[in-house]
Protein backbone atom coordinates (compact mmCIF):
# COMPACT_ATOMS: atom_id res chain seq x y z
CA MET A 1 4.78 -9.30 -0.34
CA LYS A 2 2.23 -12.10 -0.11
CA LYS A 3 0.64 -13.00 -3.44
CA THR A 4 -2.10 -15.39 -4.45
CA ILE A 5 -4.01 -16.29 -7.58
CA LEU A 6 -7.74 -15.61 -7.55
CA LYS A 7 -10.37 -16.83 -10.00
CA ASP A 8 -12.80 -14.15 -11.10
CA ASN A 9 -16.54 -14.51 -11.78
CA ASN A 10 -15.77 -16.07 -15.18
CA GLY A 11 -13.00 -18.41 -14.00
CA LYS A 12 -10.18 -16.18 -15.26
CA SER A 13 -7.04 -16.19 -13.07
CA LEU A 14 -5.45 -13.06 -11.63
CA GLU A 15 -2.40 -12.83 -9.38
CA VAL A 16 -2.80 -10.22 -6.63
CA ASP A 17 -0.73 -8.89 -3.77
CA LEU A 18 -2.98 -9.73 -0.82
CA LYS A 19 -2.05 -6.70 1.29
CA GLU A 20 -2.70 -4.24 -1.56
CA PHE A 21 -5.89 -6.06 -2.58
CA LEU A 22 -7.23 -6.14 0.98
CA ASN A 23 -6.40 -2.44 1.44
CA HIS A 24 -8.28 -1.65 -1.78
CA LEU A 25 -11.31 -3.68 -0.67
CA ASN A 26 -11.34 -1.90 2.69
CA GLU A 27 -11.18 1.50 1.02
CA TYR A 28 -13.51 1.09 -1.97
CA HIS A 29 -15.62 -2.03 -1.30
CA LYS A 30 -16.02 -1.99 2.50
CA THR A 31 -19.75 -2.74 2.69
CA GLY A 32 -22.57 -4.15 0.63
CA THR A 33 -22.20 -5.98 -2.64
CA THR A 34 -20.10 -4.32 -5.35
CA THR A 35 -18.07 -5.34 -8.39
CA HIS A 36 -14.31 -4.96 -8.54
CA THR A 37 -12.66 -5.03 -11.96
CA GLN A 38 -8.93 -5.35 -12.51
CA SER A 39 -6.86 -6.37 -15.54
CA GLY A 40 -9.91 -7.64 -17.39
CA CYS A 41 -11.14 -9.67 -14.41
CA SER A 42 -14.38 -9.05 -12.53
CA PHE A 43 -15.07 -10.02 -8.90
CA THR A 44 -18.31 -9.76 -6.96
CA VAL A 45 -17.29 -8.30 -3.60
CA ASP A 46 -19.56 -9.17 -0.69
CA ASP A 47 -19.04 -10.13 2.97
CA GLU A 48 -18.09 -13.71 2.01
CA PHE A 49 -15.48 -12.51 -0.51
CA ARG A 50 -14.03 -9.97 1.94
CA ASP A 51 -13.75 -12.68 4.62
CA LYS A 52 -12.04 -15.03 2.16
CA ILE A 53 -9.41 -12.43 1.23
CA LYS A 54 -8.84 -11.49 4.89
CA LYS A 55 -8.29 -15.16 5.84
CA LEU A 56 -5.86 -15.67 2.95
CA TYR A 57 -3.92 -12.59 4.06
CA GLU A 58 -3.78 -13.73 7.70
CA LYS A 59 -2.40 -17.20 6.87
């Protein structure tokens, strides 16, 4: 289980399991620009964000 802490659009921190988070992005936020909300945090999901999460997972 590989975890990291992400900062949301408002600077709030959220710890996520990278594999689960990446799987969720691939299933529900695969293309375009969308908003992902989780535990009171909000993330703008676009190609740049998806690439960032993928690179963190692959490290």
